Amino acid sequence: KLVEPRTDAQKAYVQSLFEHELAFGIGPA
């Protein structure tokens, strides 16, 4: 499947995952 971020925070997170060698994602379930 193609996966698309559904919020601006998710979009920024995905970009960080591709751009940084170490990334943290912190937040609720």
PDB file of all heavy atoms in Angstrom:
ATOM      1  N   LYS A   1       0.832  -1.198   0.000  1.00  0.00           N
ATOM      2  CA  LYS A   1       0.000   0.000   0.000  1.00  0.00           C
ATOM      3  C   LYS A   1       0.867   1.248   0.000  1.00  0.00           C
ATOM      4  O   LYS A   1       2.062   1.201   0.306  1.00  0.00           O
ATOM      5  CB  LYS A   1      -0.920   0.006   1.228  1.00  0.00           C
ATOM      6  CG  LYS A   1      -0.159   0.082   2.543  1.00  0.00           C
ATOM      7  CD  LYS A   1      -1.038  -0.234   3.749  1.00  0.00           C
ATOM      8  CE  LYS A   1      -2.169   0.721   3.941  1.00  0.00           C
ATOM      9  NZ  LYS A   1      -2.892   0.492   5.194  1.00  0.00           N
ATOM     10  N   LEU A   2       0.230   2.361  -0.358  1.00  0.00           N
ATOM     11  CA  LEU A   2       0.835   3.672  -0.188  1.00  0.00           C
ATOM     12  C   LEU A   2       0.359   4.243   1.135  1.00  0.00           C
ATOM     13  O   LEU A   2      -0.837   4.226   1.428  1.00  0.00           O
ATOM     14  CB  LEU A   2       0.428   4.602  -1.334  1.00  0.00           C
ATOM     15  CG  LEU A   2       1.033   4.300  -2.709  1.00  0.00           C
ATOM     16  CD1 LEU A   2       0.377   5.179  -3.765  1.00  0.00           C
ATOM     17  CD2 LEU A   2       2.524   4.512  -2.704  1.00  0.00           C
ATOM     18  N   VAL A   3       1.270   4.742   1.928  1.00  0.00           N
ATOM     19  CA  VAL A   3       0.938   5.287   3.232  1.00  0.00           C
ATOM     20  C   VAL A   3       1.110   6.801   3.176  1.00  0.00           C
ATOM     21  O   VAL A   3       2.166   7.284   2.740  1.00  0.00           O
ATOM     22  CB  VAL A   3       1.829   4.683   4.330  1.00  0.00           C
ATOM     23  CG1 VAL A   3       1.450   5.228   5.701  1.00  0.00           C
ATOM     24  CG2 VAL A   3       1.729   3.166   4.316  1.00  0.00           C
ATOM     25  N   GLU A   4       0.096   7.531   3.604  1.00  0.00           N
ATOM     26  CA  GLU A   4       0.142   8.982   3.572  1.00  0.00           C
ATOM     27  C   GLU A   4      -0.075   9.542   4.969  1.00  0.00           C
ATOM     28  O   GLU A   4      -1.008   9.140   5.663  1.00  0.00           O
ATOM     29  CB  GLU A   4      -0.933   9.529   2.630  1.00  0.00           C
ATOM     30  CG  GLU A   4      -0.773   9.074   1.189  1.00  0.00           C
ATOM     31  CD  GLU A   4      -1.907   9.567   0.312  1.00  0.00           C
ATOM     32  OE1 GLU A   4      -1.963  10.785   0.065  1.00  0.00           O
ATOM     33  OE2 GLU A   4      -2.741   8.748  -0.106  1.00  0.00           O
ATOM     34  N   PRO A   5       0.761  10.474   5.406  1.00  0.00           N
ATOM     35  CA  PRO A   5       0.504  11.150   6.681  1.00  0.00           C
ATOM     36  C   PRO A   5      -0.847  11.857   6.651  1.00  0.00           C
ATOM     37  O   PRO A   5      -1.253  12.387   5.617  1.00  0.00           O
ATOM     38  CB  PRO A   5       1.654  12.169   6.769  1.00  0.00           C
ATOM     39  CG  PRO A   5       2.709  11.655   5.861  1.00  0.00           C
ATOM     40  CD  PRO A   5       1.987  10.950   4.751  1.00  0.00           C
ATOM     41  N   ARG A   6      -1.521  11.853   7.797  1.00  0.00           N
ATOM     42  CA  ARG A   6      -2.862  12.413   7.853  1.00  0.00           C
ATOM     43  C   ARG A   6      -2.950  13.690   8.666  1.00  0.00           C
ATOM     44  O   ARG A   6      -4.026  14.287   8.766  1.00  0.00           O
ATOM     45  CB  ARG A   6      -3.828  11.361   8.401  1.00  0.00           C
ATOM     46  CG  ARG A   6      -4.097  10.253   7.394  1.00  0.00           C
ATOM     47  CD  ARG A   6      -4.779   9.044   7.991  1.00  0.00           C
ATOM     48  NE  ARG A   6      -6.027   9.345   8.645  1.00  0.00           N
ATOM     49  CZ  ARG A   6      -6.812   8.419   9.199  1.00  0.00           C
ATOM     50  NH1 ARG A   6      -6.449   7.149   9.146  1.00  0.00           N
ATOM     51  NH2 ARG A   6      -7.931   8.755   9.799  1.00  0.00           N
ATOM     52  N   THR A   7      -1.851  14.126   9.267  1.00  0.00           N
ATOM     53  CA  THR A   7      -1.817  15.408   9.974  1.00  0.00           C
ATOM     54  C   THR A   7      -0.497  16.090   9.661  1.00  0.00           C
ATOM     55  O   THR A   7       0.449  15.465   9.180  1.00  0.00           O
ATOM     56  CB  THR A   7      -1.941  15.231  11.501  1.00  0.00           C
ATOM     57  OG1 THR A   7      -0.733  14.656  12.010  1.00  0.00           O
ATOM     58  CG2 THR A   7      -3.120  14.333  11.872  1.00  0.00           C
ATOM     59  N   ASP A   8      -0.424  17.386   9.944  1.00  0.00           N
ATOM     60  CA  ASP A   8       0.819  18.111   9.707  1.00  0.00           C
ATOM     61  C   ASP A   8       1.949  17.562  10.568  1.00  0.00           C
ATOM     62  O   ASP A   8       3.104  17.503  10.128  1.00  0.00           O
ATOM     63  CB  ASP A   8       0.609  19.608  10.001  1.00  0.00           C
ATOM     64  CG  ASP A   8      -0.276  20.277   8.956  1.00  0.00           C
ATOM     65  OD1 ASP A   8      -0.210  19.881   7.781  1.00  0.00           O
ATOM     66  OD2 ASP A   8      -1.040  21.189   9.319  1.00  0.00           O
ATOM     67  N   ALA A   9       1.633  17.171  11.810  1.00  0.00           N
ATOM     68  CA  ALA A   9       2.659  16.607  12.688  1.00  0.00           C
ATOM     69  C   ALA A   9       3.191  15.295  12.120  1.00  0.00           C
ATOM     70  O   ALA A   9       4.399  15.026  12.172  1.00  0.00           O
ATOM     71  CB  ALA A   9       2.100  16.397  14.094  1.00  0.00           C
ATOM     72  N   GLN A  10       2.313  14.465  11.575  1.00  0.00           N
ATOM     73  CA  GLN A  10       2.757  13.215  10.955  1.00  0.00           C
ATOM     74  C   GLN A  10       3.636  13.493   9.735  1.00  0.00           C
ATOM     75  O   GLN A  10       4.636  12.807   9.508  1.00  0.00           O
ATOM     76  CB  GLN A  10       1.549  12.378  10.545  1.00  0.00           C
ATOM     77  CG  GLN A  10       0.820  11.716  11.693  1.00  0.00           C
ATOM     78  CD  GLN A  10      -0.201  10.691  11.205  1.00  0.00           C
ATOM     79  OE1 GLN A  10      -0.473  10.592  10.014  1.00  0.00           O
ATOM     80  NE2 GLN A  10      -0.754   9.942  12.128  1.00  0.00           N
ATOM     81  N   LYS A  11       3.270  14.488   8.955  1.00  0.00           N
ATOM     82  CA  LYS A  11       4.047  14.816   7.764  1.00  0.00           C
ATOM     83  C   LYS A  11       5.457  15.264   8.150  1.00  0.00           C
ATOM     84  O   LYS A  11       6.459  14.815   7.552  1.00  0.00           O
ATOM     85  CB  LYS A  11       3.333  15.913   6.980  1.00  0.00           C
ATOM     86  CG  LYS A  11       3.954  16.228   5.627  1.00  0.00           C
ATOM     87  CD  LYS A  11       3.079  17.224   4.889  1.00  0.00           C
ATOM     88  CE  LYS A  11       3.621  17.534   3.499  1.00  0.00           C
ATOM     89  NZ  LYS A  11       2.754  18.484   2.760  1.00  0.00           N
ATOM     90  N   ALA A  12       5.559  16.132   9.168  1.00  0.00           N
ATOM     91  CA  ALA A  12       6.871  16.593   9.633  1.00  0.00           C
ATOM     92  C   ALA A  12       7.684  15.424  10.184  1.00  0.00           C
ATOM     93  O   ALA A  12       8.907  15.346   9.978  1.00  0.00           O
ATOM     94  CB  ALA A  12       6.694  17.674  10.699  1.00  0.00           C
ATOM     95  N   TYR A  13       7.007  14.505  10.855  1.00  0.00           N
ATOM     96  CA  TYR A  13       7.673  13.323  11.425  1.00  0.00           C
ATOM     97  C   TYR A  13       8.252  12.442  10.324  1.00  0.00           C
ATOM     98  O   TYR A  13       9.420  12.028  10.391  1.00  0.00           O
ATOM     99  CB  TYR A  13       6.642  12.571  12.253  1.00  0.00           C
ATOM    100  CG  TYR A  13       7.073  11.250  12.839  1.00  0.00           C
ATOM    101  CD1 TYR A  13       8.159  11.155  13.700  1.00  0.00           C
ATOM    102  CD2 TYR A  13       6.339  10.087  12.578  1.00  0.00           C
ATOM    103  CE1 TYR A  13       8.524   9.937  14.265  1.00  0.00           C
ATOM    104  CE2 TYR A  13       6.688   8.873  13.149  1.00  0.00           C
ATOM    105  CZ  TYR A  13       7.785   8.806  13.994  1.00  0.00           C
ATOM    106  OH  TYR A  13       8.130   7.601  14.556  1.00  0.00           O
ATOM    107  N   VAL A  14       7.468  12.173   9.296  1.00  0.00           N
ATOM    108  CA  VAL A  14       7.947  11.338   8.185  1.00  0.00           C
ATOM    109  C   VAL A  14       9.159  11.979   7.514  1.00  0.00           C
ATOM    110  O   VAL A  14      10.150  11.301   7.193  1.00  0.00           O
ATOM    111  CB  VAL A  14       6.814  11.093   7.171  1.00  0.00           C
ATOM    112  CG1 VAL A  14       7.357  10.468   5.888  1.00  0.00           C
ATOM    113  CG2 VAL A  14       5.748  10.192   7.770  1.00  0.00           C
ATOM    114  N   GLN A  15       9.112  13.271   7.314  1.00  0.00           N
ATOM    115  CA  GLN A  15      10.252  13.947   6.704  1.00  0.00           C
ATOM    116  C   GLN A  15      11.489  13.835   7.592  1.00  0.00           C
ATOM    117  O   GLN A  15      12.605  13.640   7.093  1.00  0.00           O
ATOM    118  CB  GLN A  15       9.901  15.410   6.439  1.00  0.00           C
ATOM    119  CG  GLN A  15       8.867  15.549   5.326  1.00  0.00           C
ATOM    120  CD  GLN A  15       8.405  16.983   5.110  1.00  0.00           C
ATOM    121  OE1 GLN A  15       8.263  17.735   6.064  1.00  0.00           O
ATOM    122  NE2 GLN A  15       8.162  17.341   3.868  1.00  0.00           N
ATOM    123  N   SER A  16      11.295  13.927   8.900  1.00  0.00           N
ATOM    124  CA  SER A  16      12.419  13.772   9.823  1.00  0.00           C
ATOM    125  C   SER A  16      13.019  12.370   9.742  1.00  0.00           C
ATOM    126  O   SER A  16      14.235  12.189   9.834  1.00  0.00           O
ATOM    127  CB  SER A  16      11.976  14.062  11.264  1.00  0.00           C
ATOM    128  OG  SER A  16      11.669  15.418  11.440  1.00  0.00           O
ATOM    129  N   LEU A  17      12.166  11.364   9.563  1.00  0.00           N
ATOM    130  CA  LEU A  17      12.657   9.986   9.484  1.00  0.00           C
ATOM    131  C   LEU A  17      13.563   9.788   8.281  1.00  0.00           C
ATOM    132  O   LEU A  17      14.541   9.024   8.335  1.00  0.00           O
ATOM    133  CB  LEU A  17      11.487   9.003   9.421  1.00  0.00           C
ATOM    134  CG  LEU A  17      10.546   8.969  10.622  1.00  0.00           C
ATOM    135  CD1 LEU A  17       9.525   7.853  10.457  1.00  0.00           C
ATOM    136  CD2 LEU A  17      11.305   8.796  11.917  1.00  0.00           C
ATOM    137  N   PHE A  18      13.249  10.461   7.174  1.00  0.00           N
ATOM    138  CA  PHE A  18      14.082  10.340   5.987  1.00  0.00           C
ATOM    139  C   PHE A  18      15.338  11.207   6.069  1.00  0.00           C
ATOM    140  O   PHE A  18      16.356  10.880   5.465  1.00  0.00           O
ATOM    141  CB  PHE A  18      13.283  10.726   4.742  1.00  0.00           C
ATOM    142  CG  PHE A  18      12.387   9.627   4.234  1.00  0.00           C
ATOM    143  CD1 PHE A  18      11.015   9.709   4.366  1.00  0.00           C
ATOM    144  CD2 PHE A  18      12.921   8.513   3.611  1.00  0.00           C
ATOM    145  CE1 PHE A  18      10.199   8.699   3.902  1.00  0.00           C
ATOM    146  CE2 PHE A  18      12.110   7.501   3.131  1.00  0.00           C
ATOM    147  CZ  PHE A  18      10.739   7.587   3.279  1.00  0.00           C
ATOM    148  N   GLU A  19      15.266  12.302   6.810  1.00  0.00           N
ATOM    149  CA  GLU A  19      16.356  13.268   6.795  1.00  0.00           C
ATOM    150  C   GLU A  19      17.371  13.088   7.913  1.00  0.00           C
ATOM    151  O   GLU A  19      18.490  13.594   7.825  1.00  0.00           O
ATOM    152  CB  GLU A  19      15.783  14.689   6.867  1.00  0.00           C
ATOM    153  CG  GLU A  19      14.994  15.083   5.622  1.00  0.00           C
ATOM    154  CD  GLU A  19      14.258  16.393   5.795  1.00  0.00           C
ATOM    155  OE1 GLU A  19      14.259  16.938   6.926  1.00  0.00           O
ATOM    156  OE2 GLU A  19      13.675  16.885   4.807  1.00  0.00           O
ATOM    157  N   HIS A  20      17.001  12.396   9.000  1.00  0.00           N
ATOM    158  CA  HIS A  20      17.881  12.283  10.157  1.00  0.00           C
ATOM    159  C   HIS A  20      18.242  10.825  10.434  1.00  0.00           C
ATOM    160  O   HIS A  20      17.411   9.935  10.283  1.00  0.00           O
ATOM    161  CB  HIS A  20      17.216  12.890  11.394  1.00  0.00           C
ATOM    162  CG  HIS A  20      17.008  14.378  11.292  1.00  0.00           C
ATOM    163  ND1 HIS A  20      15.887  14.925  10.701  1.00  0.00           N
ATOM    164  CD2 HIS A  20      17.781  15.415  11.708  1.00  0.00           C
ATOM    165  CE1 HIS A  20      15.983  16.243  10.751  1.00  0.00           C
ATOM    166  NE2 HIS A  20      17.110  16.571  11.354  1.00  0.00           N
ATOM    167  N   GLU A  21      19.467  10.626  10.896  1.00  0.00           N
ATOM    168  CA  GLU A  21      19.901   9.271  11.236  1.00  0.00           C
ATOM    169  C   GLU A  21      19.335   8.817  12.577  1.00  0.00           C
ATOM    170  O   GLU A  21      19.233   7.613  12.832  1.00  0.00           O
ATOM    171  CB  GLU A  21      21.427   9.207  11.255  1.00  0.00           C
ATOM    172  CG  GLU A  21      22.030   9.385   9.871  1.00  0.00           C
ATOM    173  CD  GLU A  21      23.543   9.347   9.891  1.00  0.00           C
ATOM    174  OE1 GLU A  21      24.119   9.571  10.978  1.00  0.00           O
ATOM    175  OE2 GLU A  21      24.143   9.077   8.840  1.00  0.00           O
ATOM    176  N   LEU A  22      18.987   9.768  13.446  1.00  0.00           N
ATOM    177  CA  LEU A  22      18.361   9.441  14.726  1.00  0.00           C
ATOM    178  C   LEU A  22      17.180  10.366  14.929  1.00  0.00           C
ATOM    179  O   LEU A  22      17.336  11.598  14.935  1.00  0.00           O
ATOM    180  CB  LEU A  22      19.355   9.586  15.881  1.00  0.00           C
ATOM    181  CG  LEU A  22      18.811   9.345  17.295  1.00  0.00           C
ATOM    182  CD1 LEU A  22      18.207   7.952  17.421  1.00  0.00           C
ATOM    183  CD2 LEU A  22      19.916   9.541  18.334  1.00  0.00           C
ATOM    184  N   ALA A  23      15.983   9.786  15.052  1.00  0.00           N
ATOM    185  CA  ALA A  23      14.762  10.583  15.187  1.00  0.00           C
ATOM    186  C   ALA A  23      13.907  10.033  16.323  1.00  0.00           C
ATOM    187  O   ALA A  23      13.824   8.819  16.521  1.00  0.00           O
ATOM    188  CB  ALA A  23      13.970  10.567  13.881  1.00  0.00           C
ATOM    189  N   PHE A  24      13.275  10.950  17.046  1.00  0.00           N
ATOM    190  CA  PHE A  24      12.369  10.592  18.131  1.00  0.00           C
ATOM    191  C   PHE A  24      10.948  11.013  17.746  1.00  0.00           C
ATOM    192  O   PHE A  24      10.732  12.109  17.215  1.00  0.00           O
ATOM    193  CB  PHE A  24      12.753  11.308  19.433  1.00  0.00           C
ATOM    194  CG  PHE A  24      13.972  10.755  20.106  1.00  0.00           C
ATOM    195  CD1 PHE A  24      15.241  11.015  19.623  1.00  0.00           C
ATOM    196  CD2 PHE A  24      13.844   9.964  21.247  1.00  0.00           C
ATOM    197  CE1 PHE A  24      16.371  10.506  20.245  1.00  0.00           C
ATOM    198  CE2 PHE A  24      14.972   9.444  21.876  1.00  0.00           C
ATOM    199  CZ  PHE A  24      16.239   9.715  21.370  1.00  0.00           C
ATOM    200  N   GLY A  25       9.973  10.135  18.029  1.00  0.00           N
ATOM    201  CA  GLY A  25       8.565  10.458  17.882  1.00  0.00           C
ATOM    202  C   GLY A  25       7.886  10.266  19.222  1.00  0.00           C
ATOM    203  O   GLY A  25       7.825   9.144  19.735  1.00  0.00           O
ATOM    204  N   ILE A  26       7.401  11.350  19.816  1.00  0.00           N
ATOM    205  CA  ILE A  26       6.885  11.310  21.179  1.00  0.00           C
ATOM    206  C   ILE A  26       5.453  11.838  21.190  1.00  0.00           C
ATOM    207  O   ILE A  26       5.170  12.920  20.668  1.00  0.00           O
ATOM    208  CB  ILE A  26       7.770  12.160  22.121  1.00  0.00           C
ATOM    209  CG1 ILE A  26       9.204  11.619  22.122  1.00  0.00           C
ATOM    210  CG2 ILE A  26       7.202  12.182  23.533  1.00  0.00           C
ATOM    211  CD1 ILE A  26      10.199  12.471  22.874  1.00  0.00           C
ATOM    212  N   GLY A  27       4.551  11.073  21.781  1.00  0.00           N
ATOM    213  CA  GLY A  27       3.168  11.515  21.851  1.00  0.00           C
ATOM    214  C   GLY A  27       2.241  10.391  22.244  1.00  0.00           C
ATOM    215  O   GLY A  27       2.677   9.246  22.451  1.00  0.00           O
ATOM    216  N   PRO A  28       0.946  10.673  22.349  1.00  0.00           N
ATOM    217  CA  PRO A  28      -0.008   9.676  22.858  1.00  0.00           C
ATOM    218  C   PRO A  28      -0.286   8.553  21.877  1.00  0.00           C
ATOM    219  O   PRO A  28       0.110   8.596  20.707  1.00  0.00           O
ATOM    220  CB  PRO A  28      -1.272  10.523  23.093  1.00  0.00           C
ATOM    221  CG  PRO A  28      -1.150  11.672  22.163  1.00  0.00           C
ATOM    222  CD  PRO A  28       0.322  11.976  22.082  1.00  0.00           C
ATOM    223  N   ALA A  29      -0.991   7.553  22.366  1.00  0.00           N
ATOM    224  CA  ALA A  29      -1.352   6.393  21.547  1.00  0.00           C
ATOM    225  C   ALA A  29      -2.235   6.820  20.383  1.00  0.00           C
ATOM    226  O   ALA A  29      -3.025   7.756  20.481  1.00  0.00           O
ATOM    227  CB  ALA A  29      -2.083   5.368  22.415  1.00  0.00           C
TER     228      ALA A  29
END
